[in-house]
C-alpha atoms as a PDB file:
ATOM      1  CA  UNK A   1       1.763  35.025  -4.057  1.00  0.00           C
ATOM      2  CA  UNK A   2       0.822  34.123  -0.450  1.00  0.00           C
ATOM      3  CA  UNK A   3       0.104  37.126   1.747  1.00  0.00           C
ATOM      4  CA  UNK A   4      -0.726  37.471   5.428  1.00  0.00           C
ATOM      5  CA  UNK A   5      -1.170  40.752   7.288  1.00  0.00           C
ATOM      6  CA  UNK A   6       0.442  42.600   4.365  1.00  0.00           C
ATOM      7  CA  UNK A   7       3.588  40.456   4.574  1.00  0.00           C
ATOM      8  CA  UNK A   8       5.053  38.432   1.762  1.00  0.00           C
ATOM      9  CA  UNK A   9       6.257  34.960   2.764  1.00  0.00           C
ATOM     10  CA  UNK A  10       7.442  33.731  -0.615  1.00  0.00           C
ATOM     11  CA  UNK A  11      11.212  33.444  -1.117  1.00  0.00           C
ATOM     12  CA  UNK A  12      12.772  36.443  -2.828  1.00  0.00           C
ATOM     13  CA  UNK A  13       9.889  38.887  -2.368  1.00  0.00           C
ATOM     14  CA  UNK A  14       9.703  41.903  -0.083  1.00  0.00           C
ATOM     15  CA  UNK A  15       6.752  43.534   1.581  1.00  0.00           C
ATOM     16  CA  UNK A  16       6.081  47.257   1.470  1.00  0.00           C
ATOM     17  CA  UNK A  17       4.514  47.092   4.934  1.00  0.00           C
ATOM     18  CA  UNK A  18       7.664  46.035   6.744  1.00  0.00           C
ATOM     19  CA  UNK A  19       6.483  47.516  10.030  1.00  0.00           C
ATOM     20  CA  UNK A  20       3.492  45.201  10.016  1.00  0.00           C
ATOM     21  CA  UNK A  21       5.757  42.162   9.612  1.00  0.00           C
ATOM     22  CA  UNK A  22       7.614  42.711  12.866  1.00  0.00           C
ATOM     23  CA  UNK A  23       7.121  39.797  15.245  1.00  0.00           C
ATOM     24  CA  UNK A  24       5.717  37.481  12.580  1.00  0.00           C
ATOM     25  CA  UNK A  25       7.437  34.161  11.981  1.00  0.00           C
ATOM     26  CA  UNK A  26       7.790  32.316   8.677  1.00  0.00           C
ATOM     27  CA  UNK A  27       5.934  29.382  10.272  1.00  0.00           C
ATOM     28  CA  UNK A  28       2.764  31.531  10.144  1.00  0.00           C
ATOM     29  CA  UNK A  29       2.858  31.337   6.345  1.00  0.00           C
ATOM     30  CA  UNK A  30       0.065  29.393   4.622  1.00  0.00           C
ATOM     31  CA  UNK A  31       0.618  25.641   4.821  1.00  0.00           C
ATOM     32  CA  UNK A  32       1.056  23.529   1.702  1.00  0.00           C
ATOM     33  CA  UNK A  33      -1.943  21.292   2.235  1.00  0.00           C
ATOM     34  CA  UNK A  34      -0.829  18.796  -0.424  1.00  0.00           C
ATOM     35  CA  UNK A  35       2.365  18.043   1.510  1.00  0.00           C
ATOM     36  CA  UNK A  36       0.585  18.047   4.852  1.00  0.00           C
ATOM     37  CA  UNK A  37      -2.095  15.768   3.446  1.00  0.00           C
ATOM     38  CA  UNK A  38       0.415  13.216   2.178  1.00  0.00           C
ATOM     39  CA  UNK A  39       2.229  13.377   5.528  1.00  0.00           C
ATOM     40  CA  UNK A  40      -0.928  12.593   7.492  1.00  0.00           C
ATOM     41  CA  UNK A  41      -2.016   9.975   4.969  1.00  0.00           C
ATOM     42  CA  UNK A  42       1.309   8.182   5.309  1.00  0.00           C
ATOM     43  CA  UNK A  43       1.163   8.218   9.110  1.00  0.00           C
ATOM     44  CA  UNK A  44      -2.349   6.789   8.981  1.00  0.00           C
ATOM     45  CA  UNK A  45      -1.260   4.192   6.425  1.00  0.00           C
ATOM     46  CA  UNK A  46       1.619   3.063   8.617  1.00  0.00           C
ATOM     47  CA  UNK A  47      -0.625   2.659  11.648  1.00  0.00           C
ATOM     48  CA  UNK A  48      -3.325   0.751   9.777  1.00  0.00           C
ATOM     49  CA  UNK A  49      -0.873  -1.430   7.841  1.00  0.00           C
ATOM     50  CA  UNK A  50       1.216  -2.249  10.899  1.00  0.00           C
ATOM     51  CA  UNK A  51      -1.828  -3.152  12.984  1.00  0.00           C
ATOM     52  CA  UNK A  52      -3.253  -5.182  10.098  1.00  0.00           C
ATOM     53  CA  UNK A  53      -0.073  -7.248   9.824  1.00  0.00           C
ATOM     54  CA  UNK A  54       0.133  -7.798  13.584  1.00  0.00           C
ATOM     55  CA  UNK A  55      -3.522  -8.823  13.793  1.00  0.00           C
ATOM     56  CA  UNK A  56      -3.491 -11.048  10.707  1.00  0.00           C
ATOM     57  CA  UNK A  57      -0.422 -13.017  11.781  1.00  0.00           C
ATOM     58  CA  UNK A  58      -1.847 -13.518  15.282  1.00  0.00           C
ATOM     59  CA  UNK A  59      -4.922 -15.274  13.869  1.00  0.00           C
ATOM     60  CA  UNK A  60      -5.072 -18.981  12.926  1.00  0.00           C
ATOM     61  CA  UNK A  61      -4.072 -19.659   9.335  1.00  0.00           C
ATOM     62  CA  UNK A  62      -4.293 -23.426   9.076  1.00  0.00           C
ATOM     63  CA  UNK A  63      -5.449 -26.478  11.015  1.00  0.00           C
ATOM     64  CA  UNK A  64      -4.028 -29.929  10.363  1.00  0.00           C
ATOM     65  CA  UNK A  65      -3.526 -33.294  12.061  1.00  0.00           C
ATOM     66  CA  UNK A  66      -0.404 -34.351  13.952  1.00  0.00           C
ATOM     67  CA  UNK A  67       0.523 -37.364  16.111  1.00  0.00           C
ATOM     68  CA  UNK A  68       0.359 -36.927  19.865  1.00  0.00           C
ATOM     69  CA  UNK A  69       3.475 -39.088  20.193  1.00  0.00           C
ATOM     70  CA  UNK A  70       6.430 -38.832  17.838  1.00  0.00           C
ATOM     71  CA  UNK A  71       6.355 -41.632  15.278  1.00  0.00           C
ATOM     72  CA  UNK A  72       2.913 -42.863  16.355  1.00  0.00           C
ATOM     73  CA  UNK A  73       0.588 -41.975  13.520  1.00  0.00           C
ATOM     74  CA  UNK A  74      -2.408 -43.755  15.050  1.00  0.00           C
ATOM     75  CA  UNK A  75      -2.861 -41.096  17.751  1.00  0.00           C
ATOM     76  CA  UNK A  76      -3.669 -37.980  15.772  1.00  0.00           C
ATOM     77  CA  UNK A  77      -4.944 -34.647  17.002  1.00  0.00           C
ATOM     78  CA  UNK A  78      -5.852 -31.363  15.383  1.00  0.00           C
ATOM     79  CA  UNK A  79      -3.121 -28.724  15.485  1.00  0.00           C
ATOM     80  CA  UNK A  80      -3.725 -25.076  14.628  1.00  0.00           C
ATOM     81  CA  UNK A  81      -0.960 -22.755  13.464  1.00  0.00           C
ATOM     82  CA  UNK A  82      -1.120 -18.977  13.460  1.00  0.00           C
ATOM     83  CA  UNK A  83       0.605 -16.876  10.866  1.00  0.00           C
ATOM     84  CA  UNK A  84       3.206 -15.899  13.451  1.00  0.00           C
ATOM     85  CA  UNK A  85       4.090 -19.561  14.005  1.00  0.00           C
ATOM     86  CA  UNK A  86       4.362 -20.216  10.279  1.00  0.00           C
ATOM     87  CA  UNK A  87       6.214 -17.014   9.349  1.00  0.00           C
ATOM     88  CA  UNK A  88       7.745 -15.406  12.461  1.00  0.00           C
ATOM     89  CA  UNK A  89       9.974 -13.009  10.512  1.00  0.00           C
ATOM     90  CA  UNK A  90       7.131 -11.699   8.373  1.00  0.00           C
ATOM     91  CA  UNK A  91       4.948 -11.329  11.466  1.00  0.00           C
ATOM     92  CA  UNK A  92       7.537  -9.054  13.091  1.00  0.00           C
ATOM     93  CA  UNK A  93       7.396  -6.615  10.169  1.00  0.00           C
ATOM     94  CA  UNK A  94       4.185  -5.119  11.514  1.00  0.00           C
ATOM     95  CA  UNK A  95       6.110  -3.793  14.506  1.00  0.00           C
ATOM     96  CA  UNK A  96       8.718  -2.387  12.123  1.00  0.00           C
ATOM     97  CA  UNK A  97       5.985  -0.385  10.423  1.00  0.00           C
ATOM     98  CA  UNK A  98       4.753   1.032  13.721  1.00  0.00           C
ATOM     99  CA  UNK A  99       8.298   1.858  14.827  1.00  0.00           C
ATOM    100  CA  UNK A 100       8.770   3.802  11.590  1.00  0.00           C
ATOM    101  CA  UNK A 101       6.306   6.393  12.920  1.00  0.00           C
ATOM    102  CA  UNK A 102       8.908   7.606  15.394  1.00  0.00           C
ATOM    103  CA  UNK A 103      11.532   7.602  12.655  1.00  0.00           C
ATOM    104  CA  UNK A 104       9.444   9.841  10.402  1.00  0.00           C
ATOM    105  CA  UNK A 105       8.712  12.323  13.175  1.00  0.00           C
ATOM    106  CA  UNK A 106      12.268  12.456  14.534  1.00  0.00           C
ATOM    107  CA  UNK A 107      14.182  12.395  11.245  1.00  0.00           C
ATOM    108  CA  UNK A 108      14.067  14.633   8.192  1.00  0.00           C
ATOM    109  CA  UNK A 109      15.705  14.833   4.796  1.00  0.00           C
ATOM    110  CA  UNK A 110      17.645  11.743   3.808  1.00  0.00           C
ATOM    111  CA  UNK A 111      16.940  10.180   7.191  1.00  0.00           C
ATOM    112  CA  UNK A 112      13.305   9.859   6.195  1.00  0.00           C
ATOM    113  CA  UNK A 113      14.296   8.337   2.872  1.00  0.00           C
ATOM    114  CA  UNK A 114      16.209   5.620   4.730  1.00  0.00           C
ATOM    115  CA  UNK A 115      13.180   5.004   6.958  1.00  0.00           C
ATOM    116  CA  UNK A 116      11.053   4.714   3.832  1.00  0.00           C
ATOM    117  CA  UNK A 117      13.289   2.050   2.302  1.00  0.00           C
ATOM    118  CA  UNK A 118      13.179   0.091   5.571  1.00  0.00           C
ATOM    119  CA  UNK A 119       9.371   0.188   5.527  1.00  0.00           C
ATOM    120  CA  UNK A 120       9.302  -0.940   1.880  1.00  0.00           C
ATOM    121  CA  UNK A 121      11.591  -3.866   2.728  1.00  0.00           C
ATOM    122  CA  UNK A 122       9.392  -4.796   5.697  1.00  0.00           C
ATOM    123  CA  UNK A 123       6.315  -4.743   3.501  1.00  0.00           C
ATOM    124  CA  UNK A 124       7.964  -6.923   0.865  1.00  0.00           C
ATOM    125  CA  UNK A 125       9.000  -9.503   3.467  1.00  0.00           C
ATOM    126  CA  UNK A 126       5.420  -9.637   4.735  1.00  0.00           C
ATOM    127  CA  UNK A 127       3.811  -9.746   1.297  1.00  0.00           C
ATOM    128  CA  UNK A 128       6.184 -12.402  -0.054  1.00  0.00           C
ATOM    129  CA  UNK A 129       5.691 -14.590   3.014  1.00  0.00           C
ATOM    130  CA  UNK A 130       1.903 -14.355   2.886  1.00  0.00           C
ATOM    131  CA  UNK A 131       1.879 -14.970  -0.867  1.00  0.00           C
ATOM    132  CA  UNK A 132       4.124 -18.005  -0.456  1.00  0.00           C
ATOM    133  CA  UNK A 133       1.716 -19.502   2.036  1.00  0.00           C
ATOM    134  CA  UNK A 134      -1.259 -18.685  -0.142  1.00  0.00           C
ATOM    135  CA  UNK A 135       0.215 -20.331  -3.240  1.00  0.00           C
ATOM    136  CA  UNK A 136       1.976 -23.319  -1.627  1.00  0.00           C
ATOM    137  CA  UNK A 137       0.788 -23.881   1.942  1.00  0.00           C
ATOM    138  CA  UNK A 138       1.686 -27.575   2.052  1.00  0.00           C
ATOM    139  CA  UNK A 139       5.460 -27.089   2.045  1.00  0.00           C
ATOM    140  CA  UNK A 140       5.384 -24.413   4.736  1.00  0.00           C
ATOM    141  CA  UNK A 141       2.933 -26.423   6.808  1.00  0.00           C
ATOM    142  CA  UNK A 142       5.083 -29.545   6.485  1.00  0.00           C
ATOM    143  CA  UNK A 143       8.203 -27.689   7.644  1.00  0.00           C
ATOM    144  CA  UNK A 144       6.381 -26.104  10.582  1.00  0.00           C
ATOM    145  CA  UNK A 145       4.736 -29.356  11.597  1.00  0.00           C
ATOM    146  CA  UNK A 146       8.077 -31.161  11.451  1.00  0.00           C
ATOM    147  CA  UNK A 147       9.518 -28.614  13.856  1.00  0.00           C
ATOM    148  CA  UNK A 148       6.496 -28.965  16.131  1.00  0.00           C
ATOM    149  CA  UNK A 149       6.732 -32.757  16.586  1.00  0.00           C
ATOM    150  CA  UNK A 150      10.547 -32.695  16.698  1.00  0.00           C
ATOM    151  CA  UNK A 151      11.221 -35.220  13.957  1.00  0.00           C
ATOM    152  CA  UNK A 152      11.960 -35.203  10.245  1.00  0.00           C
ATOM    153  CA  UNK A 153       9.766 -38.283   9.917  1.00  0.00           C
ATOM    154  CA  UNK A 154       6.148 -37.173  10.045  1.00  0.00           C
ATOM    155  CA  UNK A 155       5.079 -40.691  10.919  1.00  0.00           C
ATOM    156  CA  UNK A 156       2.698 -41.058   7.997  1.00  0.00           C
ATOM    157  CA  UNK A 157       0.732 -37.904   8.767  1.00  0.00           C
ATOM    158  CA  UNK A 158      -1.591 -37.156   5.878  1.00  0.00           C
ATOM    159  CA  UNK A 159      -1.062 -33.507   5.035  1.00  0.00           C
ATOM    160  CA  UNK A 160      -4.131 -33.678   2.887  1.00  0.00           C
ATOM    161  CA  UNK A 161      -6.200 -33.406   6.058  1.00  0.00           C
ATOM    162  CA  UNK A 162      -5.824 -29.716   6.625  1.00  0.00           C
ATOM    163  CA  UNK A 163      -7.998 -26.630   6.325  1.00  0.00           C
ATOM    164  CA  UNK A 164      -6.853 -23.111   5.613  1.00  0.00           C
ATOM    165  CA  UNK A 165      -8.406 -19.829   6.775  1.00  0.00           C
ATOM    166  CA  UNK A 166      -8.424 -16.609   4.706  1.00  0.00           C
ATOM    167  CA  UNK A 167      -6.440 -14.601   7.274  1.00  0.00           C
ATOM    168  CA  UNK A 168      -3.244 -14.969   5.237  1.00  0.00           C
ATOM    169  CA  UNK A 169      -4.838 -12.663   2.648  1.00  0.00           C
ATOM    170  CA  UNK A 170      -5.271 -10.007   5.336  1.00  0.00           C
ATOM    171  CA  UNK A 171      -1.564 -10.316   6.060  1.00  0.00           C
ATOM    172  CA  UNK A 172      -0.872  -9.797   2.365  1.00  0.00           C
ATOM    173  CA  UNK A 173      -2.989  -6.633   2.359  1.00  0.00           C
ATOM    174  CA  UNK A 174      -1.097  -5.297   5.367  1.00  0.00           C
ATOM    175  CA  UNK A 175       2.239  -6.016   3.698  1.00  0.00           C
ATOM    176  CA  UNK A 176       1.196  -4.203   0.526  1.00  0.00           C
ATOM    177  CA  UNK A 177       0.057  -1.291   2.682  1.00  0.00           C
ATOM    178  CA  UNK A 178       3.543  -1.079   4.191  1.00  0.00           C
ATOM    179  CA  UNK A 179       5.068  -1.085   0.703  1.00  0.00           C
ATOM    180  CA  UNK A 180       2.838   1.803  -0.407  1.00  0.00           C
ATOM    181  CA  UNK A 181       3.466   3.776   2.788  1.00  0.00           C
ATOM    182  CA  UNK A 182       7.209   3.268   2.490  1.00  0.00           C
ATOM    183  CA  UNK A 183       7.095   4.380  -1.134  1.00  0.00           C
ATOM    184  CA  UNK A 184       5.360   7.611  -0.116  1.00  0.00           C
ATOM    185  CA  UNK A 185       8.039   8.241   2.494  1.00  0.00           C
ATOM    186  CA  UNK A 186      10.811   7.733  -0.066  1.00  0.00           C
ATOM    187  CA  UNK A 187       9.106   9.916  -2.677  1.00  0.00           C
ATOM    188  CA  UNK A 188       7.860  12.790  -0.518  1.00  0.00           C
ATOM    189  CA  UNK A 189       9.404  12.435   2.926  1.00  0.00           C
ATOM    190  CA  UNK A 190      12.058  15.097   2.285  1.00  0.00           C
ATOM    191  CA  UNK A 191       9.377  17.737   1.593  1.00  0.00           C
ATOM    192  CA  UNK A 192       7.406  17.167   4.776  1.00  0.00           C
ATOM    193  CA  UNK A 193       7.743  19.569   7.733  1.00  0.00           C
ATOM    194  CA  UNK A 194      10.266  18.651  10.405  1.00  0.00           C
ATOM    195  CA  UNK A 195       8.741  18.822  13.864  1.00  0.00           C
ATOM    196  CA  UNK A 196      12.134  19.069  15.554  1.00  0.00           C
ATOM    197  CA  UNK A 197      13.258  22.294  13.875  1.00  0.00           C
ATOM    198  CA  UNK A 198      11.020  24.533  15.970  1.00  0.00           C
ATOM    199  CA  UNK A 199      12.457  23.194  19.223  1.00  0.00           C
ATOM    200  CA  UNK A 200      16.015  23.489  17.923  1.00  0.00           C
ATOM    201  CA  UNK A 201      15.404  27.150  17.029  1.00  0.00           C
ATOM    202  CA  UNK A 202      13.841  27.855  20.416  1.00  0.00           C
ATOM    203  CA  UNK A 203      16.817  26.354  22.225  1.00  0.00           C
ATOM    204  CA  UNK A 204      19.273  28.300  20.055  1.00  0.00           C
ATOM    205  CA  UNK A 205      17.420  31.582  20.536  1.00  0.00           C
ATOM    206  CA  UNK A 206      17.198  31.071  24.281  1.00  0.00           C
ATOM    207  CA  UNK A 207      20.919  30.355  24.484  1.00  0.00           C
ATOM    208  CA  UNK A 208      21.747  33.448  22.449  1.00  0.00           C
ATOM    209  CA  UNK A 209      19.483  35.625  24.593  1.00  0.00           C
ATOM    210  CA  UNK A 210      21.047  34.538  27.850  1.00  0.00           C
ATOM    211  CA  UNK A 211      24.702  34.416  26.786  1.00  0.00           C
ATOM    212  CA  UNK A 212      25.051  38.198  26.505  1.00  0.00           C
ATOM    213  CA  UNK A 213      24.080  39.215  30.074  1.00  0.00           C
ATOM    214  CA  UNK A 214      25.993  36.328  31.598  1.00  0.00           C
ATOM    215  CA  UNK A 215      29.167  37.345  29.766  1.00  0.00           C
ATOM    216  CA  UNK A 216      28.750  40.973  30.858  1.00  0.00           C
ATOM    217  CA  UNK A 217      28.281  40.010  34.499  1.00  0.00           C
ATOM    218  CA  UNK A 218      31.328  37.779  34.335  1.00  0.00           C
ATOM    219  CA  UNK A 219      33.376  40.672  32.979  1.00  0.00           C
ATOM    220  CA  UNK A 220      32.301  42.974  35.843  1.00  0.00           C
ATOM    221  CA  UNK A 221      33.124  40.272  38.380  1.00  0.00           C
ATOM    222  CA  UNK A 222      36.578  39.924  36.866  1.00  0.00           C
ATOM    223  CA  UNK A 223      37.146  43.688  37.126  1.00  0.00           C
ATOM    224  CA  UNK A 224      36.076  43.640  40.789  1.00  0.00           C
ATOM    225  CA  UNK A 225      38.721  40.999  41.418  1.00  0.00           C
ATOM    226  CA  UNK A 226      41.331  43.135  39.698  1.00  0.00           C
ATOM    227  CA  UNK A 227      41.600  40.825  36.699  1.00  0.00           C
ATOM    228  CA  UNK A 228      41.679  41.745  33.019  1.00  0.00           C
ATOM    229  CA  UNK A 229      38.533  40.223  31.429  1.00  0.00           C
ATOM    230  CA  UNK A 230      40.015  40.500  27.924  1.00  0.00           C
ATOM    231  CA  UNK A 231      42.760  37.946  28.579  1.00  0.00           C
END
């Protein structure tokens, strides 16, 4: 049973040294380090995963050849595509992961569960997109290149002349990190401490402390004016 200064903080127990407990707050009770550890680990995971996704999708993923002039396959030049150009939606999921930090800190209870599901969905979008490029880059490259030159006819461009970088795998790792972080939020987010409760209590206590004297002064003012303060 956790004890501090002779006081019992566990629910349902009473301390024999009640005079020593005056002025102590339940927030001074020993912290559950398992919950606090998972909370900090999840925050760190969100930061690292979000930054990993943003960085990976900003790097070049593939270089291929494309005509300088639409329909003129004789004038070819090397064109490099970043992950963000190939998969813009998946690239944006890194910012979703970073934005979830504010959601975890501000929300609590079921609000955190909702944030967790959003992070899981963001991670899946990123992981699926990166995996799709890793397993079948030609189709995605063809679609992106078609949009770049503004024609459905690639003018005889040989898509065999392309080289791929390993940065797509880093994007996959970041997406999986978002999935794991979101899963931790869903599973344990409701048990984590809410940072906003302390400020809500302080505001409530301050309001209660000041409402009494103000009401009494108002009553005396009403009596001075010859009014009945009870009406």
